[in-house]
PDB file of N, CA and C in Angstrom:
ATOM      1  N   MET A   1     -63.867  41.742  31.376  1.00  0.00           N
ATOM      2  CA  MET A   1     -62.547  41.156  31.579  1.00  0.00           C
ATOM      3  C   MET A   1     -62.062  40.273  30.250  1.00  0.00           C
ATOM      4  N   PHE A   2     -60.831  40.312  30.085  1.00  0.00           N
ATOM      5  CA  PHE A   2     -60.544  39.605  28.820  1.00  0.00           C
ATOM      6  C   PHE A   2     -60.365  38.382  29.008  1.00  0.00           C
ATOM      7  N   SER A   3     -60.556  37.413  28.044  1.00  0.00           N
ATOM      8  CA  SER A   3     -60.508  36.080  28.174  1.00  0.00           C
ATOM      9  C   SER A   3     -59.052  35.576  27.674  1.00  0.00           C
ATOM     10  N   PHE A   4     -58.544  34.418  27.968  1.00  0.00           N
ATOM     11  CA  PHE A   4     -57.250  34.073  27.670  1.00  0.00           C
ATOM     12  C   PHE A   4     -57.116  33.919  26.179  1.00  0.00           C
ATOM     13  N   THR A   5     -58.137  33.632  25.400  1.00  0.00           N
ATOM     14  CA  THR A   5     -58.069  33.504  23.806  1.00  0.00           C
ATOM     15  C   THR A   5     -57.959  34.992  23.224  1.00  0.00           C
ATOM     16  N   SER A   6     -58.615  35.852  23.842  1.00  0.00           N
ATOM     17  CA  SER A   6     -58.627  37.190  23.154  1.00  0.00           C
ATOM     18  C   SER A   6     -57.179  37.893  23.676  1.00  0.00           C
ATOM     19  N   ILE A   7     -56.475  37.272  24.526  1.00  0.00           N
ATOM     20  CA  ILE A   7     -55.215  37.830  24.799  1.00  0.00           C
ATOM     21  C   ILE A   7     -54.297  37.193  23.918  1.00  0.00           C
ATOM     22  N   ILE A   8     -54.530  36.039  23.526  1.00  0.00           N
ATOM     23  CA  ILE A   8     -53.713  35.312  22.778  1.00  0.00           C
ATOM     24  C   ILE A   8     -53.685  35.898  21.353  1.00  0.00           C
ATOM     25  N   ALA A   9     -54.930  36.206  20.955  1.00  0.00           N
ATOM     26  CA  ALA A   9     -55.164  36.770  19.533  1.00  0.00           C
ATOM     27  C   ALA A   9     -54.459  38.045  19.350  1.00  0.00           C
ATOM     28  N   ARG A  10     -54.469  38.910  20.515  1.00  0.00           N
ATOM     29  CA  ARG A  10     -53.915  40.238  20.414  1.00  0.00           C
ATOM     30  C   ARG A  10     -52.500  39.937  20.470  1.00  0.00           C
ATOM     31  N   LEU A  11     -51.962  39.133  21.033  1.00  0.00           N
ATOM     32  CA  LEU A  11     -50.467  38.792  21.044  1.00  0.00           C
ATOM     33  C   LEU A  11     -50.021  38.604  19.618  1.00  0.00           C
ATOM     34  N   LYS A  12     -50.906  37.640  19.030  1.00  0.00           N
ATOM     35  CA  LYS A  12     -50.581  37.022  17.576  1.00  0.00           C
ATOM     36  C   LYS A  12     -50.648  38.233  16.810  1.00  0.00           C
ATOM     37  N   THR A  13     -51.577  39.275  16.857  1.00  0.00           N
ATOM     38  CA  THR A  13     -51.729  40.442  15.949  1.00  0.00           C
ATOM     39  C   THR A  13     -50.589  41.223  16.308  1.00  0.00           C
ATOM     40  N   TRP A  14     -50.189  41.460  17.388  1.00  0.00           N
ATOM     41  CA  TRP A  14     -48.967  42.431  17.587  1.00  0.00           C
ATOM     42  C   TRP A  14     -47.641  41.748  17.110  1.00  0.00           C
ATOM     43  N   ALA A  15     -47.378  40.595  17.309  1.00  0.00           N
ATOM     44  CA  ALA A  15     -46.502  39.657  16.794  1.00  0.00           C
ATOM     45  C   ALA A  15     -46.327  39.739  15.191  1.00  0.00           C
ATOM     46  N   ILE A  16     -47.371  39.683  14.431  1.00  0.00           N
ATOM     47  CA  ILE A  16     -47.486  39.827  13.095  1.00  0.00           C
ATOM     48  C   ILE A  16     -47.084  41.245  12.643  1.00  0.00           C
ATOM     49  N   ALA A  17     -47.593  42.229  13.334  1.00  0.00           N
ATOM     50  CA  ALA A  17     -47.280  43.607  13.161  1.00  0.00           C
ATOM     51  C   ALA A  17     -45.914  43.790  13.312  1.00  0.00           C
ATOM     52  N   ALA A  18     -45.393  43.335  14.114  1.00  0.00           N
ATOM     53  CA  ALA A  18     -43.722  43.611  14.693  1.00  0.00           C
ATOM     54  C   ALA A  18     -42.895  42.673  13.618  1.00  0.00           C
ATOM     55  N   GLY A  19     -43.327  41.578  13.115  1.00  0.00           N
ATOM     56  CA  GLY A  19     -42.784  40.867  12.168  1.00  0.00           C
ATOM     57  C   GLY A  19     -42.764  41.593  10.694  1.00  0.00           C
ATOM     58  N   ILE A  20     -43.795  42.324  10.239  1.00  0.00           N
ATOM     59  CA  ILE A  20     -43.970  42.924   9.180  1.00  0.00           C
ATOM     60  C   ILE A  20     -42.944  44.195   9.190  1.00  0.00           C
ATOM     61  N   VAL A  21     -42.990  44.900  10.318  1.00  0.00           N
ATOM     62  CA  VAL A  21     -42.211  46.108  10.572  1.00  0.00           C
ATOM     63  C   VAL A  21     -40.645  45.721  10.551  1.00  0.00           C
ATOM     64  N   LEU A  22     -40.143  44.784  11.046  1.00  0.00           N
ATOM     65  CA  LEU A  22     -38.876  44.233  11.027  1.00  0.00           C
ATOM     66  C   LEU A  22     -38.428  43.585   9.666  1.00  0.00           C
ATOM     67  N   ALA A  23     -39.510  43.047   8.850  1.00  0.00           N
ATOM     68  CA  ALA A  23     -38.880  42.810   7.516  1.00  0.00           C
ATOM     69  C   ALA A  23     -38.905  44.021   6.517  1.00  0.00           C
ATOM     70  N   ALA A  24     -39.761  44.929   6.946  1.00  0.00           N
ATOM     71  CA  ALA A  24     -39.462  46.093   5.999  1.00  0.00           C
ATOM     72  C   ALA A  24     -38.212  46.756   6.329  1.00  0.00           C
ATOM     73  N   ILE A  25     -37.912  46.819   7.575  1.00  0.00           N
ATOM     74  CA  ILE A  25     -36.610  47.634   8.013  1.00  0.00           C
ATOM     75  C   ILE A  25     -35.619  46.842   7.362  1.00  0.00           C
ATOM     76  N   GLY A  26     -35.583  45.336   7.458  1.00  0.00           N
ATOM     77  CA  GLY A  26     -34.467  44.481   6.830  1.00  0.00           C
ATOM     78  C   GLY A  26     -34.402  44.656   5.354  1.00  0.00           C
ATOM     79  N   ILE A  27     -35.592  44.713   4.621  1.00  0.00           N
ATOM     80  CA  ILE A  27     -35.389  44.985   3.276  1.00  0.00           C
ATOM     81  C   ILE A  27     -34.859  46.296   2.870  1.00  0.00           C
ATOM     82  N   ALA A  28     -35.234  47.282   3.602  1.00  0.00           N
ATOM     83  CA  ALA A  28     -34.746  48.658   3.336  1.00  0.00           C
ATOM     84  C   ALA A  28     -33.131  48.831   3.607  1.00  0.00           C
ATOM     85  N   PHE A  29     -32.860  48.013   4.725  1.00  0.00           N
ATOM     86  CA  PHE A  29     -31.141  47.853   5.001  1.00  0.00           C
ATOM     87  C   PHE A  29     -30.422  47.194   3.890  1.00  0.00           C
ATOM     88  N   LEU A  30     -31.133  46.142   3.368  1.00  0.00           N
ATOM     89  CA  LEU A  30     -30.262  45.386   2.453  1.00  0.00           C
ATOM     90  C   LEU A  30     -30.306  46.202   1.182  1.00  0.00           C
ATOM     91  N   LYS A  31     -31.545  46.804   0.710  1.00  0.00           N
ATOM     92  CA  LYS A  31     -31.395  47.473  -0.360  1.00  0.00           C
ATOM     93  C   LYS A  31     -30.570  48.794  -0.476  1.00  0.00           C
ATOM     94  N   GLY A  32     -30.424  49.394   0.727  1.00  0.00           N
ATOM     95  CA  GLY A  32     -29.336  50.552   0.983  1.00  0.00           C
ATOM     96  C   GLY A  32     -28.126  49.849   0.647  1.00  0.00           C
ATOM     97  N   ARG A  33     -27.709  48.693   1.286  1.00  0.00           N
ATOM     98  CA  ARG A  33     -26.309  48.237   1.067  1.00  0.00           C
ATOM     99  C   ARG A  33     -26.025  47.997  -0.335  1.00  0.00           C
ATOM    100  N   ALA A  34     -27.033  47.230  -0.942  1.00  0.00           N
ATOM    101  CA  ALA A  34     -26.691  47.087  -2.374  1.00  0.00           C
ATOM    102  C   ALA A  34     -26.662  48.273  -3.187  1.00  0.00           C
ATOM    103  N   SER A  35     -27.461  49.191  -3.127  1.00  0.00           N
ATOM    104  CA  SER A  35     -27.177  50.603  -3.604  1.00  0.00           C
ATOM    105  C   SER A  35     -25.901  51.216  -3.406  1.00  0.00           C
ATOM    106  N   GLU A  36     -25.403  51.118  -2.185  1.00  0.00           N
ATOM    107  CA  GLU A  36     -24.112  51.587  -1.860  1.00  0.00           C
ATOM    108  C   GLU A  36     -22.741  50.835  -2.616  1.00  0.00           C
ATOM    109  N   ARG A  37     -23.113  49.617  -2.723  1.00  0.00           N
ATOM    110  CA  ARG A  37     -22.097  48.772  -3.414  1.00  0.00           C
ATOM    111  C   ARG A  37     -22.073  49.221  -5.039  1.00  0.00           C
ATOM    112  N   ALA A  38     -23.280  49.299  -5.461  1.00  0.00           N
ATOM    113  CA  ALA A  38     -23.323  49.724  -6.785  1.00  0.00           C
ATOM    114  C   ALA A  38     -22.689  51.165  -7.001  1.00  0.00           C
ATOM    115  N   ALA A  39     -22.765  52.098  -6.178  1.00  0.00           N
ATOM    116  CA  ALA A  39     -22.117  53.380  -6.204  1.00  0.00           C
ATOM    117  C   ALA A  39     -20.676  53.317  -6.277  1.00  0.00           C
ATOM    118  N   GLN A  40     -20.155  52.477  -5.242  1.00  0.00           N
ATOM    119  CA  GLN A  40     -18.724  52.229  -5.100  1.00  0.00           C
ATOM    120  C   GLN A  40     -18.198  51.761  -6.230  1.00  0.00           C
ATOM    121  N   SER A  41     -18.801  50.756  -6.853  1.00  0.00           N
ATOM    122  CA  SER A  41     -18.284  49.978  -7.821  1.00  0.00           C
ATOM    123  C   SER A  41     -18.284  50.897  -9.226  1.00  0.00           C
ATOM    124  N   HIS A  42     -19.370  51.656  -9.379  1.00  0.00           N
ATOM    125  CA  HIS A  42     -19.291  52.723 -10.393  1.00  0.00           C
ATOM    126  C   HIS A  42     -18.131  53.760 -10.109  1.00  0.00           C
ATOM    127  N   GLN A  43     -18.075  54.124  -8.995  1.00  0.00           N
ATOM    128  CA  GLN A  43     -17.040  55.034  -8.479  1.00  0.00           C
ATOM    129  C   GLN A  43     -15.530  54.480  -8.965  1.00  0.00           C
ATOM    130  N   ARG A  44     -15.386  53.311  -8.477  1.00  0.00           N
ATOM    131  CA  ARG A  44     -14.125  52.696  -8.744  1.00  0.00           C
ATOM    132  C   ARG A  44     -13.833  52.540 -10.415  1.00  0.00           C
ATOM    133  N   LEU A  45     -14.811  52.328 -11.067  1.00  0.00           N
ATOM    134  CA  LEU A  45     -14.851  52.084 -12.713  1.00  0.00           C
ATOM    135  C   LEU A  45     -14.470  53.545 -13.249  1.00  0.00           C
ATOM    136  N   LYS A  46     -14.909  54.662 -12.504  1.00  0.00           N
ATOM    137  CA  LYS A  46     -14.668  55.956 -13.203  1.00  0.00           C
ATOM    138  C   LYS A  46     -13.201  56.292 -12.873  1.00  0.00           C
ATOM    139  N   GLU A  47     -12.762  55.926 -11.807  1.00  0.00           N
ATOM    140  CA  GLU A  47     -11.511  56.240 -11.378  1.00  0.00           C
ATOM    141  C   GLU A  47     -10.212  55.491 -12.145  1.00  0.00           C
ATOM    142  N   ARG A  48     -10.782  54.152 -12.562  1.00  0.00           N
ATOM    143  CA  ARG A  48     -10.028  53.324 -13.328  1.00  0.00           C
ATOM    144  C   ARG A  48      -9.744  53.925 -14.788  1.00  0.00           C
ATOM    145  N   ARG A  49     -11.219  54.320 -15.482  1.00  0.00           N
ATOM    146  CA  ARG A  49     -11.160  54.865 -16.607  1.00  0.00           C
ATOM    147  C   ARG A  49     -10.090  56.108 -16.691  1.00  0.00           C
ATOM    148  N   LYS A  50     -10.247  56.923 -15.711  1.00  0.00           N
ATOM    149  CA  LYS A  50      -9.479  58.268 -15.580  1.00  0.00           C
ATOM    150  C   LYS A  50      -7.970  57.850 -15.486  1.00  0.00           C
ATOM    151  N   ALA A  51      -7.569  56.778 -14.712  1.00  0.00           N
ATOM    152  CA  ALA A  51      -6.135  56.354 -14.572  1.00  0.00           C
ATOM    153  C   ALA A  51      -5.590  55.676 -15.898  1.00  0.00           C
ATOM    154  N   ILE A  52      -6.438  54.972 -16.686  1.00  0.00           N
ATOM    155  CA  ILE A  52      -6.135  54.488 -18.121  1.00  0.00           C
ATOM    156  C   ILE A  52      -5.949  55.526 -19.060  1.00  0.00           C
ATOM    157  N   LYS A  53      -6.873  56.691 -19.140  1.00  0.00           N
ATOM    158  CA  LYS A  53      -6.863  57.663 -19.895  1.00  0.00           C
ATOM    159  C   LYS A  53      -5.343  58.657 -19.794  1.00  0.00           C
ATOM    160  N   THR A  54      -5.049  58.753 -18.568  1.00  0.00           N
ATOM    161  CA  THR A  54      -3.884  59.497 -18.068  1.00  0.00           C
ATOM    162  C   THR A  54      -2.725  58.851 -18.404  1.00  0.00           C
ATOM    163  N   ALA A  55      -2.682  57.476 -18.278  1.00  0.00           N
ATOM    164  CA  ALA A  55      -1.572  56.589 -18.727  1.00  0.00           C
ATOM    165  C   ALA A  55      -1.405  56.707 -20.118  1.00  0.00           C
ATOM    166  N   GLN A  56      -2.486  56.511 -20.802  1.00  0.00           N
ATOM    167  CA  GLN A  56      -2.427  56.616 -22.174  1.00  0.00           C
ATOM    168  C   GLN A  56      -1.772  57.942 -22.998  1.00  0.00           C
ATOM    169  N   GLU A  57      -2.308  59.078 -22.241  1.00  0.00           N
ATOM    170  CA  GLU A  57      -1.823  60.434 -22.472  1.00  0.00           C
ATOM    171  C   GLU A  57      -0.228  60.362 -22.306  1.00  0.00           C
ATOM    172  N   ILE A  58       0.079  59.979 -21.270  1.00  0.00           N
ATOM    173  CA  ILE A  58       1.595  60.090 -20.813  1.00  0.00           C
ATOM    174  C   ILE A  58       2.406  59.031 -22.009  1.00  0.00           C
ATOM    175  N   GLU A  59       1.879  58.056 -22.300  1.00  0.00           N
ATOM    176  CA  GLU A  59       2.517  56.858 -23.283  1.00  0.00           C
ATOM    177  C   GLU A  59       2.769  57.622 -24.368  1.00  0.00           C
ATOM    178  N   ASN A  60       1.546  58.355 -24.986  1.00  0.00           N
ATOM    179  CA  ASN A  60       1.741  58.922 -26.179  1.00  0.00           C
ATOM    180  C   ASN A  60       2.614  60.151 -26.220  1.00  0.00           C
ATOM    181  N   ASP A  61       2.604  60.866 -25.188  1.00  0.00           N
ATOM    182  CA  ASP A  61       3.458  62.121 -24.830  1.00  0.00           C
ATOM    183  C   ASP A  61       5.094  61.589 -24.992  1.00  0.00           C
ATOM    184  N   VAL A  62       5.260  60.408 -24.368  1.00  0.00           N
ATOM    185  CA  VAL A  62       6.656  60.087 -24.324  1.00  0.00           C
ATOM    186  C   VAL A  62       7.038  59.556 -25.967  1.00  0.00           C
ATOM    187  N   ALA A  63       5.936  58.813 -26.311  1.00  0.00           N
ATOM    188  CA  ALA A  63       6.450  58.252 -27.717  1.00  0.00           C
ATOM    189  C   ALA A  63       6.579  59.257 -28.801  1.00  0.00           C
ATOM    190  N   ASN A  64       5.961  60.519 -28.511  1.00  0.00           N
ATOM    191  CA  ASN A  64       6.085  61.512 -29.617  1.00  0.00           C
ATOM    192  C   ASN A  64       7.246  62.438 -29.359  1.00  0.00           C
ATOM    193  N   ASP A  65       7.808  62.527 -28.263  1.00  0.00           N
ATOM    194  CA  ASP A  65       9.015  63.452 -27.945  1.00  0.00           C
ATOM    195  C   ASP A  65      10.262  62.573 -28.881  1.00  0.00           C
ATOM    196  N   SER A  66      11.021  63.760 -28.870  1.00  0.00           N
ATOM    197  CA  SER A  66      12.415  63.244 -29.447  1.00  0.00           C
ATOM    198  C   SER A  66      13.483  62.788 -28.248  1.00  0.00           C
ATOM    199  N   ARG A  67      14.397  62.136 -28.698  1.00  0.00           N
ATOM    200  CA  ARG A  67      15.498  61.634 -27.774  1.00  0.00           C
ATOM    201  C   ARG A  67      15.851  62.716 -26.908  1.00  0.00           C
ATOM    202  N   ASN A  68      16.092  64.095 -27.253  1.00  0.00           N
ATOM    203  CA  ASN A  68      16.669  65.076 -26.679  1.00  0.00           C
ATOM    204  C   ASN A  68      15.563  65.554 -25.421  1.00  0.00           C
ATOM    205  N   ASP A  69      14.399  65.712 -26.082  1.00  0.00           N
ATOM    206  CA  ASP A  69      13.443  65.950 -25.183  1.00  0.00           C
ATOM    207  C   ASP A  69      13.196  65.000 -23.813  1.00  0.00           C
ATOM    208  N   LEU A  70      13.227  63.755 -24.239  1.00  0.00           N
ATOM    209  CA  LEU A  70      13.217  62.731 -23.366  1.00  0.00           C
ATOM    210  C   LEU A  70      14.392  62.721 -22.308  1.00  0.00           C
ATOM    211  N   LEU A  71      15.587  62.974 -22.928  1.00  0.00           N
ATOM    212  CA  LEU A  71      16.644  63.188 -21.928  1.00  0.00           C
ATOM    213  C   LEU A  71      16.390  64.340 -20.939  1.00  0.00           C
ATOM    214  N   ARG A  72      16.069  65.494 -21.563  1.00  0.00           N
ATOM    215  CA  ARG A  72      15.956  66.558 -20.998  1.00  0.00           C
ATOM    216  C   ARG A  72      14.755  66.469 -19.857  1.00  0.00           C
ATOM    217  N   ARG A  73      13.797  65.747 -20.031  1.00  0.00           N
ATOM    218  CA  ARG A  73      12.822  65.414 -18.949  1.00  0.00           C
ATOM    219  C   ARG A  73      13.337  64.484 -17.812  1.00  0.00           C
ATOM    220  N   ALA A  74      14.144  63.410 -18.422  1.00  0.00           N
ATOM    221  CA  ALA A  74      14.611  62.637 -17.439  1.00  0.00           C
ATOM    222  C   ALA A  74      15.646  63.321 -16.299  1.00  0.00           C
ATOM    223  N   ARG A  75      16.395  64.333 -16.910  1.00  0.00           N
ATOM    224  CA  ARG A  75      17.276  65.097 -16.055  1.00  0.00           C
ATOM    225  C   ARG A  75      16.682  65.919 -14.905  1.00  0.00           C
ATOM    226  N   ARG A  76      15.383  66.164 -15.292  1.00  0.00           N
ATOM    227  CA  ARG A  76      14.680  66.924 -13.951  1.00  0.00           C
ATOM    228  C   ARG A  76      14.251  65.973 -12.847  1.00  0.00           C
ATOM    229  N   TRP A  77      14.279  64.683 -13.178  1.00  0.00           N
ATOM    230  CA  TRP A  77      13.841  63.806 -12.101  1.00  0.00           C
ATOM    231  C   TRP A  77      14.882  62.840 -11.661  1.00  0.00           C
ATOM    232  N   LEU A  78      16.139  62.850 -12.471  1.00  0.00           N
ATOM    233  CA  LEU A  78      17.145  61.771 -11.908  1.00  0.00           C
ATOM    234  C   LEU A  78      18.214  62.752 -11.075  1.00  0.00           C
ATOM    235  N   PRO A  79      18.854  62.157 -10.254  1.00  0.00           N
ATOM    236  CA  PRO A  79      19.960  63.060  -9.422  1.00  0.00           C
ATOM    237  C   PRO A  79      21.069  63.175 -10.445  1.00  0.00           C
ATOM    238  N   ASP A  80      21.926  64.210 -10.320  1.00  0.00           N
ATOM    239  CA  ASP A  80      22.817  64.571 -11.008  1.00  0.00           C
ATOM    240  C   ASP A  80      24.177  64.287 -10.165  1.00  0.00           C
ATOM    241  N   ASN A  81      25.068  63.326 -10.558  1.00  0.00           N
ATOM    242  CA  ASN A  81      25.981  63.013  -9.578  1.00  0.00           C
ATOM    243  C   ASN A  81      27.333  63.787  -9.887  1.00  0.00           C
ATOM    244  N   ASP A  82      27.289  64.504 -11.067  1.00  0.00           N
ATOM    245  CA  ASP A  82      28.453  65.284 -11.484  1.00  0.00           C
ATOM    246  C   ASP A  82      28.563  66.845 -10.584  1.00  0.00           C
ATOM    247  N   ARG A  83      27.366  67.139 -10.079  1.00  0.00           N
ATOM    248  CA  ARG A  83      27.426  68.473  -9.355  1.00  0.00           C
ATOM    249  C   ARG A  83      27.966  68.609  -8.024  1.00  0.00           C
TER     250      ARG A  83
END
């Protein structure tokens, strides 16, 4: 038969083991969240760089066009009230 002290000792052992398992799960969860945040931040940075590059290309394109080319481009997008 088990004595009361041996039951307490087994409960302590199981409690310690459960604590270690919970701590490992918690650490893995937090590490995964941090990794996902870093990946999202990296993705946002890539998208921002792409947007800036596109904006610069458009700016350069517009700056290099002649006045007539700019007017021709604008006519495609602006409504013509004379028609």
